[in-house]
Amino acid sequence: MNDELVRLLLQAHLASTLFMTGLIWFVQIVHYPLFAETGRAEFAGYELRHSRLTTWVVGPAMIVEAVTAALILLQPPPGVSVSLLVSGFVLLVIIWLSTALVQVPCHHALTRGFDAAVHRRLVRSNWVRTIGWSLRALIVLSMV
């Protein structure tokens, strides 16, 4: 891979990771906790719209991050520790698994209406992604 392509790949990876890190902190501290303040009668429709619209925001960034992480892992840039790349990739796998196995099912359950126990699980379990993306941000910043 030529130097220009490596630079663009790292920049795309950095941008997507930092975007997701900032977004997940907003979600964790502001957005998810405010679910409990939404009117119960309107909550199911709110949650359905939230899930649909959020996909348009997070989907592209998560895909760019995953693709660039895989490409960087397959073709490590000069001077970047392979153990650092593997650590970042493992964190990304944990984030995706948490999303698919915990957060998405919680959101799906909430489309039937507000449930305090499911909401608590969503907020508490989202710390896995919040910490994961924060650690990834540090890793990716150290790579560039």
Foldseek 3Di string as FASTA:
>chain_A
DDPVVLVVLLVLLLVLLVVLLVVLVCCLPPNLVCLVVDDFVCQLVVLVVCVVVVCVVNVVSLVSNLVSLVVCLVPPDPPQDNVLSVLLNVLSVQLVCLVVPQQVVLSVVCNVTDDPVSSVSNNVSSVSVNVSSVVSSVSSVVSD
